[in-house]
PDB file of N, CA and C in Angstrom:
ATOM      1  N   MET A   1     -13.702   7.009  -3.083  1.00  0.00           N
ATOM      2  CA  MET A   1     -13.697   6.598  -4.405  1.00  0.00           C
ATOM      3  C   MET A   1     -12.666   5.692  -4.794  1.00  0.00           C
ATOM      4  N   ILE A   2     -11.435   6.128  -4.195  1.00  0.00           N
ATOM      5  CA  ILE A   2     -10.193   5.699  -4.493  1.00  0.00           C
ATOM      6  C   ILE A   2     -10.131   4.034  -4.291  1.00  0.00           C
ATOM      7  N   GLU A   3     -10.564   3.613  -3.244  1.00  0.00           N
ATOM      8  CA  GLU A   3     -10.368   2.449  -2.813  1.00  0.00           C
ATOM      9  C   GLU A   3     -11.230   1.424  -3.680  1.00  0.00           C
ATOM     10  N   ALA A   4     -12.737   1.945  -3.716  1.00  0.00           N
ATOM     11  CA  ALA A   4     -13.583   1.396  -4.353  1.00  0.00           C
ATOM     12  C   ALA A   4     -13.127   1.000  -5.863  1.00  0.00           C
ATOM     13  N   VAL A   5     -12.507   2.001  -6.540  1.00  0.00           N
ATOM     14  CA  VAL A   5     -12.131   1.545  -7.994  1.00  0.00           C
ATOM     15  C   VAL A   5     -11.009   0.680  -7.994  1.00  0.00           C
ATOM     16  N   PHE A   6      -9.959   0.863  -6.892  1.00  0.00           N
ATOM     17  CA  PHE A   6      -8.746  -0.210  -6.779  1.00  0.00           C
ATOM     18  C   PHE A   6      -9.298  -1.637  -6.570  1.00  0.00           C
ATOM     19  N   GLU A   7     -10.333  -1.747  -5.700  1.00  0.00           N
ATOM     20  CA  GLU A   7     -10.725  -3.043  -5.026  1.00  0.00           C
ATOM     21  C   GLU A   7     -11.473  -3.547  -6.304  1.00  0.00           C
ATOM     22  N   LEU A   8     -12.101  -2.763  -7.216  1.00  0.00           N
ATOM     23  CA  LEU A   8     -13.011  -3.398  -8.118  1.00  0.00           C
ATOM     24  C   LEU A   8     -11.760  -3.941  -9.142  1.00  0.00           C
ATOM     25  N   VAL A   9     -11.044  -3.115  -9.810  1.00  0.00           N
ATOM     26  CA  VAL A   9      -9.960  -3.572 -10.519  1.00  0.00           C
ATOM     27  C   VAL A   9      -8.886  -4.975  -9.854  1.00  0.00           C
ATOM     28  N   ARG A  10      -8.595  -4.759  -8.833  1.00  0.00           N
ATOM     29  CA  ARG A  10      -8.228  -6.097  -8.041  1.00  0.00           C
ATOM     30  C   ARG A  10      -8.666  -7.279  -8.233  1.00  0.00           C
ATOM     31  N   ARG A  11     -10.209  -7.193  -7.801  1.00  0.00           N
ATOM     32  CA  ARG A  11     -11.001  -8.194  -8.130  1.00  0.00           C
ATOM     33  C   ARG A  11     -11.101  -8.903  -9.333  1.00  0.00           C
ATOM     34  N   ASN A  12     -11.242  -8.039 -10.298  1.00  0.00           N
ATOM     35  CA  ASN A  12     -11.583  -8.360 -11.789  1.00  0.00           C
ATOM     36  C   ASN A  12     -10.185  -8.966 -12.267  1.00  0.00           C
ATOM     37  N   GLU A  13      -9.212  -8.285 -12.216  1.00  0.00           N
ATOM     38  CA  GLU A  13      -7.992  -8.613 -12.801  1.00  0.00           C
ATOM     39  C   GLU A  13      -6.477  -9.190 -11.974  1.00  0.00           C
ATOM     40  N   PHE A  14      -6.790  -8.920 -10.901  1.00  0.00           N
ATOM     41  CA  PHE A  14      -5.710  -9.410  -9.921  1.00  0.00           C
ATOM     42  C   PHE A  14      -6.008 -10.066  -8.551  1.00  0.00           C
ATOM     43  N   PRO A  15      -7.150 -11.079  -8.971  1.00  0.00           N
ATOM     44  CA  PRO A  15      -7.560 -11.732  -7.686  1.00  0.00           C
ATOM     45  C   PRO A  15      -6.951 -12.361  -6.582  1.00  0.00           C
ATOM     46  N   GLN A  16      -5.675 -12.758  -7.153  1.00  0.00           N
ATOM     47  CA  GLN A  16      -4.703 -13.426  -6.386  1.00  0.00           C
ATOM     48  C   GLN A  16      -3.927 -12.549  -5.229  1.00  0.00           C
ATOM     49  N   LEU A  17      -3.864 -11.137  -5.619  1.00  0.00           N
ATOM     50  CA  LEU A  17      -3.577 -10.378  -4.504  1.00  0.00           C
ATOM     51  C   LEU A  17      -4.191  -9.667  -3.221  1.00  0.00           C
ATOM     52  N   PRO A  18      -3.686  -9.495  -2.087  1.00  0.00           N
ATOM     53  CA  PRO A  18      -4.665  -9.428  -1.131  1.00  0.00           C
ATOM     54  C   PRO A  18      -5.375  -8.328  -1.276  1.00  0.00           C
ATOM     55  N   SER A  19      -6.547  -7.896  -0.730  1.00  0.00           N
ATOM     56  CA  SER A  19      -7.421  -6.784  -0.974  1.00  0.00           C
ATOM     57  C   SER A  19      -6.856  -5.898   0.191  1.00  0.00           C
ATOM     58  N   ARG A  20      -6.996  -4.470  -0.598  1.00  0.00           N
ATOM     59  CA  ARG A  20      -6.415  -3.420   0.445  1.00  0.00           C
ATOM     60  C   ARG A  20      -7.312  -3.332   1.747  1.00  0.00           C
ATOM     61  N   LEU A  21      -8.884  -3.824   1.297  1.00  0.00           N
ATOM     62  CA  LEU A  21      -9.697  -3.740   2.496  1.00  0.00           C
ATOM     63  C   LEU A  21      -9.434  -4.736   3.554  1.00  0.00           C
ATOM     64  N   GLN A  22      -8.811  -5.721   3.598  1.00  0.00           N
ATOM     65  CA  GLN A  22      -8.629  -6.583   4.571  1.00  0.00           C
ATOM     66  C   GLN A  22      -7.411  -7.003   4.648  1.00  0.00           C
ATOM     67  N   SER A  23      -6.455  -5.768   4.631  1.00  0.00           N
ATOM     68  CA  SER A  23      -5.024  -5.771   4.856  1.00  0.00           C
ATOM     69  C   SER A  23      -4.691  -4.496   5.662  1.00  0.00           C
ATOM     70  N   MET A  24      -3.396  -4.580   6.174  1.00  0.00           N
ATOM     71  CA  MET A  24      -2.678  -3.664   6.950  1.00  0.00           C
ATOM     72  C   MET A  24      -1.518  -3.183   6.066  1.00  0.00           C
ATOM     73  N   PHE A  25      -0.898  -1.910   6.241  1.00  0.00           N
ATOM     74  CA  PHE A  25       0.185  -1.596   5.505  1.00  0.00           C
ATOM     75  C   PHE A  25       1.376  -0.959   6.201  1.00  0.00           C
ATOM     76  N   ALA A  26       2.495  -1.254   5.755  1.00  0.00           N
ATOM     77  CA  ALA A  26       3.676  -0.697   6.129  1.00  0.00           C
ATOM     78  C   ALA A  26       4.765  -0.445   5.439  1.00  0.00           C
ATOM     79  N   TRP A  27       5.674   0.024   5.815  1.00  0.00           N
ATOM     80  CA  TRP A  27       6.887   0.612   5.182  1.00  0.00           C
ATOM     81  C   TRP A  27       7.672  -0.585   4.841  1.00  0.00           C
ATOM     82  N   CYS A  28       8.523  -0.234   3.685  1.00  0.00           N
ATOM     83  CA  CYS A  28       9.192  -1.464   3.508  1.00  0.00           C
ATOM     84  C   CYS A  28      10.693  -1.293   3.864  1.00  0.00           C
ATOM     85  N   ASN A  29      10.885  -0.050   4.389  1.00  0.00           N
ATOM     86  CA  ASN A  29      12.176   0.158   5.456  1.00  0.00           C
ATOM     87  C   ASN A  29      12.127   0.863   6.434  1.00  0.00           C
ATOM     88  N   LEU A  30      12.904   1.266   7.624  1.00  0.00           N
ATOM     89  CA  LEU A  30      12.885   1.979   8.784  1.00  0.00           C
ATOM     90  C   LEU A  30      13.055   3.424   8.368  1.00  0.00           C
ATOM     91  N   ASP A  31      13.654   3.750   7.502  1.00  0.00           N
ATOM     92  CA  ASP A  31      13.795   5.060   7.270  1.00  0.00           C
ATOM     93  C   ASP A  31      12.475   5.889   6.683  1.00  0.00           C
ATOM     94  N   ASP A  32      11.839   5.141   5.763  1.00  0.00           N
ATOM     95  CA  ASP A  32      10.622   5.554   5.363  1.00  0.00           C
ATOM     96  C   ASP A  32       9.285   5.557   6.421  1.00  0.00           C
ATOM     97  N   ALA A  33       9.557   4.552   7.439  1.00  0.00           N
ATOM     98  CA  ALA A  33       8.403   4.724   8.312  1.00  0.00           C
ATOM     99  C   ALA A  33       8.802   5.908   9.462  1.00  0.00           C
ATOM    100  N   ARG A  34      10.262   6.160   9.479  1.00  0.00           N
ATOM    101  CA  ARG A  34      10.517   7.253  10.591  1.00  0.00           C
ATOM    102  C   ARG A  34      10.106   8.510   9.563  1.00  0.00           C
ATOM    103  N   GLU A  35      10.510   8.652   8.621  1.00  0.00           N
ATOM    104  CA  GLU A  35       9.963   9.900   7.720  1.00  0.00           C
ATOM    105  C   GLU A  35       8.208   9.931   7.901  1.00  0.00           C
ATOM    106  N   PHE A  36       7.529   8.924   7.762  1.00  0.00           N
ATOM    107  CA  PHE A  36       5.971   9.061   7.848  1.00  0.00           C
ATOM    108  C   PHE A  36       5.756   9.418   9.390  1.00  0.00           C
ATOM    109  N   ASN A  37       6.540   8.734  10.422  1.00  0.00           N
ATOM    110  CA  ASN A  37       6.226   9.425  11.547  1.00  0.00           C
ATOM    111  C   ASN A  37       6.344  10.574  11.753  1.00  0.00           C
ATOM    112  N   SER A  38       7.896  11.004  11.592  1.00  0.00           N
ATOM    113  CA  SER A  38       7.880  12.489  11.515  1.00  0.00           C
ATOM    114  C   SER A  38       6.853  13.723  11.108  1.00  0.00           C
ATOM    115  N   SER A  39       6.398  13.062  10.128  1.00  0.00           N
ATOM    116  CA  SER A  39       5.103  14.174   9.150  1.00  0.00           C
ATOM    117  C   SER A  39       3.992  14.087  10.253  1.00  0.00           C
ATOM    118  N   LEU A  40       4.018  12.963  10.893  1.00  0.00           N
ATOM    119  CA  LEU A  40       2.784  13.311  12.012  1.00  0.00           C
ATOM    120  C   LEU A  40       3.014  13.759  13.115  1.00  0.00           C
ATOM    121  N   GLY A  41       4.274  14.492  13.392  1.00  0.00           N
ATOM    122  CA  GLY A  41       4.784  15.180  14.742  1.00  0.00           C
ATOM    123  C   GLY A  41       5.316  13.912  15.785  1.00  0.00           C
ATOM    124  N   ASP A  42       5.669  12.682  15.303  1.00  0.00           N
ATOM    125  CA  ASP A  42       6.387  11.852  15.823  1.00  0.00           C
ATOM    126  C   ASP A  42       5.632  11.318  17.008  1.00  0.00           C
ATOM    127  N   LYS A  43       4.575  11.170  16.702  1.00  0.00           N
ATOM    128  CA  LYS A  43       3.609  10.613  17.841  1.00  0.00           C
ATOM    129  C   LYS A  43       3.231   9.312  17.890  1.00  0.00           C
ATOM    130  N   HIS A  44       3.667   8.405  17.315  1.00  0.00           N
ATOM    131  CA  HIS A  44       3.409   7.138  17.131  1.00  0.00           C
ATOM    132  C   HIS A  44       4.310   6.221  17.302  1.00  0.00           C
ATOM    133  N   SER A  45       4.387   5.018  18.016  1.00  0.00           N
ATOM    134  CA  SER A  45       5.389   3.920  17.718  1.00  0.00           C
ATOM    135  C   SER A  45       5.588   3.325  16.738  1.00  0.00           C
ATOM    136  N   ILE A  46       6.845   2.898  16.232  1.00  0.00           N
ATOM    137  CA  ILE A  46       6.892   1.772  15.142  1.00  0.00           C
ATOM    138  C   ILE A  46       7.397   0.641  15.436  1.00  0.00           C
ATOM    139  N   PHE A  47       6.510  -0.295  15.068  1.00  0.00           N
ATOM    140  CA  PHE A  47       6.879  -1.832  15.279  1.00  0.00           C
ATOM    141  C   PHE A  47       7.491  -2.624  13.975  1.00  0.00           C
ATOM    142  N   GLU A  48       8.040  -3.525  14.402  1.00  0.00           N
ATOM    143  CA  GLU A  48       8.386  -4.654  13.168  1.00  0.00           C
ATOM    144  C   GLU A  48       7.159  -5.489  13.062  1.00  0.00           C
ATOM    145  N   VAL A  49       7.367  -5.895  11.684  1.00  0.00           N
ATOM    146  CA  VAL A  49       5.873  -6.746  11.414  1.00  0.00           C
ATOM    147  C   VAL A  49       6.555  -8.058  10.353  1.00  0.00           C
ATOM    148  N   GLU A  50       6.026  -9.270  11.019  1.00  0.00           N
ATOM    149  CA  GLU A  50       6.602 -10.418  10.225  1.00  0.00           C
ATOM    150  C   GLU A  50       5.641 -10.737   9.311  1.00  0.00           C
ATOM    151  N   ILE A  51       6.435 -10.607   7.834  1.00  0.00           N
ATOM    152  CA  ILE A  51       5.791 -10.360   6.655  1.00  0.00           C
ATOM    153  C   ILE A  51       5.767 -11.785   5.978  1.00  0.00           C
ATOM    154  N   LYS A  52       5.154 -12.565   5.731  1.00  0.00           N
ATOM    155  CA  LYS A  52       5.064 -13.547   5.275  1.00  0.00           C
ATOM    156  C   LYS A  52       4.568 -13.719   3.536  1.00  0.00           C
ATOM    157  N   ASN A  53       3.482 -13.074   3.141  1.00  0.00           N
ATOM    158  CA  ASN A  53       3.015 -12.790   1.950  1.00  0.00           C
ATOM    159  C   ASN A  53       2.260 -11.417   1.466  1.00  0.00           C
ATOM    160  N   ALA A  54       3.294 -10.619   1.695  1.00  0.00           N
ATOM    161  CA  ALA A  54       2.974  -9.032   1.501  1.00  0.00           C
ATOM    162  C   ALA A  54       3.065  -8.787  -0.229  1.00  0.00           C
ATOM    163  N   PHE A  55       2.232  -7.835  -0.460  1.00  0.00           N
ATOM    164  CA  PHE A  55       2.332  -7.220  -1.806  1.00  0.00           C
ATOM    165  C   PHE A  55       2.867  -5.978  -1.747  1.00  0.00           C
ATOM    166  N   ILE A  56       3.786  -5.817  -2.384  1.00  0.00           N
ATOM    167  CA  ILE A  56       4.689  -4.212  -2.229  1.00  0.00           C
ATOM    168  C   ILE A  56       4.217  -3.518  -3.712  1.00  0.00           C
ATOM    169  N   ALA A  57       3.750  -2.356  -3.386  1.00  0.00           N
ATOM    170  CA  ALA A  57       3.118  -1.471  -4.536  1.00  0.00           C
ATOM    171  C   ALA A  57       3.976  -0.134  -4.148  1.00  0.00           C
ATOM    172  N   ASP A  58       3.629   0.567  -5.281  1.00  0.00           N
ATOM    173  CA  ASP A  58       3.999   1.987  -5.143  1.00  0.00           C
ATOM    174  C   ASP A  58       2.848   2.998  -4.554  1.00  0.00           C
ATOM    175  N   GLN A  59       2.869   3.482  -3.371  1.00  0.00           N
ATOM    176  CA  GLN A  59       1.745   4.331  -2.832  1.00  0.00           C
ATOM    177  C   GLN A  59       1.517   5.861  -3.659  1.00  0.00           C
ATOM    178  N   LYS A  60       2.304   6.107  -4.522  1.00  0.00           N
ATOM    179  CA  LYS A  60       2.286   7.071  -5.205  1.00  0.00           C
ATOM    180  C   LYS A  60       1.272   7.051  -6.425  1.00  0.00           C
ATOM    181  N   LEU A  61       1.065   5.709  -6.777  1.00  0.00           N
ATOM    182  CA  LEU A  61      -0.310   5.357  -7.722  1.00  0.00           C
ATOM    183  C   LEU A  61      -1.557   5.505  -7.078  1.00  0.00           C
ATOM    184  N   LEU A  62      -1.727   5.542  -6.055  1.00  0.00           N
ATOM    185  CA  LEU A  62      -2.903   5.779  -5.231  1.00  0.00           C
ATOM    186  C   LEU A  62      -3.546   6.901  -5.486  1.00  0.00           C
ATOM    187  N   TYR A  63      -4.038   7.404  -6.533  1.00  0.00           N
ATOM    188  CA  TYR A  63      -4.455   8.763  -7.266  1.00  0.00           C
ATOM    189  C   TYR A  63      -5.822   8.614  -7.659  1.00  0.00           C
ATOM    190  N   LEU A  64      -6.658   9.538  -7.515  1.00  0.00           N
ATOM    191  CA  LEU A  64      -7.996   9.636  -8.060  1.00  0.00           C
ATOM    192  C   LEU A  64      -7.614  10.705  -9.746  1.00  0.00           C
ATOM    193  N   GLY A  65      -7.396   9.788 -10.519  1.00  0.00           N
ATOM    194  CA  GLY A  65      -7.274  10.494 -11.582  1.00  0.00           C
ATOM    195  C   GLY A  65      -8.429  11.882 -12.106  1.00  0.00           C
ATOM    196  N   GLY A  66      -8.092  12.317 -13.304  1.00  0.00           N
ATOM    197  CA  GLY A  66      -9.011  13.264 -13.773  1.00  0.00           C
ATOM    198  C   GLY A  66     -10.337  12.796 -13.967  1.00  0.00           C
ATOM    199  N   SER A  67     -10.423  11.369 -14.595  1.00  0.00           N
ATOM    200  CA  SER A  67     -11.670  10.762 -14.719  1.00  0.00           C
ATOM    201  C   SER A  67     -11.783   9.184 -14.250  1.00  0.00           C
ATOM    202  N   VAL A  68     -12.910   8.626 -14.396  1.00  0.00           N
ATOM    203  CA  VAL A  68     -12.828   7.218 -13.933  1.00  0.00           C
ATOM    204  C   VAL A  68     -11.870   6.271 -14.685  1.00  0.00           C
ATOM    205  N   ILE A  69     -11.653   6.779 -15.724  1.00  0.00           N
ATOM    206  CA  ILE A  69     -10.850   5.769 -16.709  1.00  0.00           C
ATOM    207  C   ILE A  69      -9.419   6.003 -16.032  1.00  0.00           C
ATOM    208  N   GLY A  70      -9.171   7.267 -15.894  1.00  0.00           N
ATOM    209  CA  GLY A  70      -7.622   7.587 -15.467  1.00  0.00           C
ATOM    210  C   GLY A  70      -7.588   6.884 -14.123  1.00  0.00           C
ATOM    211  N   THR A  71      -8.451   6.532 -13.049  1.00  0.00           N
ATOM    212  CA  THR A  71      -8.225   6.330 -12.006  1.00  0.00           C
ATOM    213  C   THR A  71      -7.991   4.838 -12.276  1.00  0.00           C
ATOM    214  N   TYR A  72      -9.204   4.011 -13.239  1.00  0.00           N
ATOM    215  CA  TYR A  72      -8.788   2.845 -13.278  1.00  0.00           C
ATOM    216  C   TYR A  72      -7.199   2.638 -13.940  1.00  0.00           C
ATOM    217  N   GLU A  73      -6.810   3.338 -14.797  1.00  0.00           N
ATOM    218  CA  GLU A  73      -5.334   3.173 -15.313  1.00  0.00           C
ATOM    219  C   GLU A  73      -4.502   3.404 -14.455  1.00  0.00           C
ATOM    220  N   MET A  74      -4.661   4.082 -13.186  1.00  0.00           N
ATOM    221  CA  MET A  74      -3.663   3.999 -11.843  1.00  0.00           C
ATOM    222  C   MET A  74      -3.581   2.883 -11.443  1.00  0.00           C
ATOM    223  N   ALA A  75      -5.131   2.121 -10.873  1.00  0.00           N
ATOM    224  CA  ALA A  75      -5.427   0.898 -10.245  1.00  0.00           C
ATOM    225  C   ALA A  75      -4.361  -0.306 -11.210  1.00  0.00           C
ATOM    226  N   ARG A  76      -4.613  -0.019 -12.250  1.00  0.00           N
ATOM    227  CA  ARG A  76      -4.073  -1.415 -12.981  1.00  0.00           C
ATOM    228  C   ARG A  76      -2.461  -1.258 -12.814  1.00  0.00           C
ATOM    229  N   LYS A  77      -1.995  -0.081 -12.745  1.00  0.00           N
ATOM    230  CA  LYS A  77      -0.548   0.195 -12.633  1.00  0.00           C
ATOM    231  C   LYS A  77      -0.084  -0.261 -11.315  1.00  0.00           C
ATOM    232  N   TYR A  78      -0.961   0.330 -10.320  1.00  0.00           N
ATOM    233  CA  TYR A  78      -0.406  -0.304  -8.756  1.00  0.00           C
ATOM    234  C   TYR A  78      -0.620  -1.827  -8.687  1.00  0.00           C
ATOM    235  N   TRP A  79      -1.617  -2.284  -9.032  1.00  0.00           N
ATOM    236  CA  TRP A  79      -1.769  -3.790  -8.916  1.00  0.00           C
ATOM    237  C   TRP A  79      -0.769  -4.521  -9.602  1.00  0.00           C
ATOM    238  N   SER A  80      -0.649  -4.171 -10.816  1.00  0.00           N
ATOM    239  CA  SER A  80       0.563  -4.753 -11.944  1.00  0.00           C
ATOM    240  C   SER A  80       1.890  -4.677 -11.404  1.00  0.00           C
ATOM    241  N   GLY A  81       2.285  -3.764 -10.155  1.00  0.00           N
ATOM    242  CA  GLY A  81       3.419  -3.367  -9.487  1.00  0.00           C
ATOM    243  C   GLY A  81       4.449  -2.712 -10.532  1.00  0.00           C
ATOM    244  N   ASP A  82       4.039  -1.837 -11.442  1.00  0.00           N
ATOM    245  CA  ASP A  82       4.400  -0.846 -11.733  1.00  0.00           C
ATOM    246  C   ASP A  82       5.190   0.314 -11.034  1.00  0.00           C
ATOM    247  N   ARG A  83       6.160   0.970 -11.214  1.00  0.00           N
ATOM    248  CA  ARG A  83       6.735   2.221 -10.326  1.00  0.00           C
ATOM    249  C   ARG A  83       6.675   3.634 -10.857  1.00  0.00           C
ATOM    250  N   SER A  84       6.184   4.599 -10.253  1.00  0.00           N
ATOM    251  CA  SER A  84       6.245   5.934 -10.899  1.00  0.00           C
ATOM    252  C   SER A  84       7.688   6.314 -10.898  1.00  0.00           C
ATOM    253  N   ASP A  85       8.022   7.476 -11.159  1.00  0.00           N
ATOM    254  CA  ASP A  85       9.471   8.163 -11.319  1.00  0.00           C
ATOM    255  C   ASP A  85       9.780   8.074  -9.884  1.00  0.00           C
ATOM    256  N   ASN A  86       9.108   8.873  -8.848  1.00  0.00           N
ATOM    257  CA  ASN A  86       9.441   9.294  -7.513  1.00  0.00           C
ATOM    258  C   ASN A  86       8.336   8.355  -6.701  1.00  0.00           C
ATOM    259  N   CYS A  87       8.653   7.082  -6.872  1.00  0.00           N
ATOM    260  CA  CYS A  87       7.777   5.891  -6.236  1.00  0.00           C
ATOM    261  C   CYS A  87       8.149   5.941  -4.551  1.00  0.00           C
ATOM    262  N   LYS A  88       7.164   5.666  -3.996  1.00  0.00           N
ATOM    263  CA  LYS A  88       7.143   5.354  -2.587  1.00  0.00           C
ATOM    264  C   LYS A  88       6.692   3.910  -1.978  1.00  0.00           C
ATOM    265  N   LEU A  89       7.318   3.198  -1.836  1.00  0.00           N
ATOM    266  CA  LEU A  89       6.735   1.787  -1.462  1.00  0.00           C
ATOM    267  C   LEU A  89       6.152   1.261  -0.460  1.00  0.00           C
ATOM    268  N   GLU A  90       4.984   0.630  -0.111  1.00  0.00           N
ATOM    269  CA  GLU A  90       4.282   0.481   0.600  1.00  0.00           C
ATOM    270  C   GLU A  90       3.840  -1.300   0.603  1.00  0.00           C
ATOM    271  N   ALA A  91       3.783  -1.737   1.699  1.00  0.00           N
ATOM    272  CA  ALA A  91       3.713  -3.453   1.956  1.00  0.00           C
ATOM    273  C   ALA A  91       2.385  -3.461   2.304  1.00  0.00           C
ATOM    274  N   VAL A  92       1.403  -4.261   1.502  1.00  0.00           N
ATOM    275  CA  VAL A  92       0.119  -4.532   1.974  1.00  0.00           C
ATOM    276  C   VAL A  92       0.025  -5.624   2.291  1.00  0.00           C
ATOM    277  N   ILE A  93      -0.109  -6.033   3.485  1.00  0.00           N
ATOM    278  CA  ILE A  93       0.190  -7.062   4.221  1.00  0.00           C
ATOM    279  C   ILE A  93      -1.502  -7.738   4.928  1.00  0.00           C
ATOM    280  N   PRO A  94      -1.897  -8.738   3.944  1.00  0.00           N
ATOM    281  CA  PRO A  94      -2.950  -9.658   4.565  1.00  0.00           C
ATOM    282  C   PRO A  94      -2.762 -10.122   6.011  1.00  0.00           C
ATOM    283  N   LEU A  95      -4.401 -10.058   6.339  1.00  0.00           N
ATOM    284  CA  LEU A  95      -4.336  -9.880   7.881  1.00  0.00           C
ATOM    285  C   LEU A  95      -4.750 -11.504   8.175  1.00  0.00           C
ATOM    286  N   PRO A  96      -4.448 -12.046   9.348  1.00  0.00           N
ATOM    287  CA  PRO A  96      -4.047 -11.496  10.529  1.00  0.00           C
ATOM    288  C   PRO A  96      -2.404 -11.435  10.044  1.00  0.00           C
ATOM    289  N   ALA A  97      -1.677 -10.305  10.898  1.00  0.00           N
ATOM    290  CA  ALA A  97      -0.256 -10.351  10.820  1.00  0.00           C
ATOM    291  C   ALA A  97       0.506 -10.268  12.228  1.00  0.00           C
ATOM    292  N   VAL A  98       1.465 -10.885  12.408  1.00  0.00           N
ATOM    293  CA  VAL A  98       2.150 -10.816  13.472  1.00  0.00           C
ATOM    294  C   VAL A  98       2.797  -9.669  13.845  1.00  0.00           C
ATOM    295  N   ILE A  99       2.520  -8.731  14.652  1.00  0.00           N
ATOM    296  CA  ILE A  99       3.207  -7.379  15.143  1.00  0.00           C
ATOM    297  C   ILE A  99       4.730  -8.012  16.043  1.00  0.00           C
ATOM    298  N   GLY A 100       5.741  -7.366  15.787  1.00  0.00           N
ATOM    299  CA  GLY A 100       7.009  -7.820  16.275  1.00  0.00           C
ATOM    300  C   GLY A 100       7.128  -6.776  17.449  1.00  0.00           C
ATOM    301  N   ASN A 101       8.499  -6.497  17.643  1.00  0.00           N
ATOM    302  CA  ASN A 101       9.233  -5.745  18.609  1.00  0.00           C
ATOM    303  C   ASN A 101       9.014  -4.191  17.907  1.00  0.00           C
ATOM    304  N   LYS A 102       8.859  -3.267  19.214  1.00  0.00           N
ATOM    305  CA  LYS A 102       9.094  -2.014  19.012  1.00  0.00           C
ATOM    306  C   LYS A 102      10.115  -1.492  18.637  1.00  0.00           C
ATOM    307  N   VAL A 103      10.292  -0.614  17.532  1.00  0.00           N
ATOM    308  CA  VAL A 103      11.624   0.100  17.420  1.00  0.00           C
ATOM    309  C   VAL A 103      11.874   1.018  18.074  1.00  0.00           C
TER     310      VAL A 103
END
């Protein structure tokens, strides 16, 4: 449901931004990538990604609000580049992307 609402808002109000449905996601810094990998039990490798045209957004705004209107407002904040008080930035990278060296 979150992705459906967020994609609807993107298409209607922010069509120049990359679709989350046709993108890959990355952390904006190595510390965040390592923290995320650690939360998964350090099971995965971390790679550099060459970014030419990524959209940087606050992942904390990916939230299913208490109502459809609430979710819609979270999506508008996400796509407009707003940041929450405790933001966690992610890069939405349009495909294809170039994967670089293993870190």
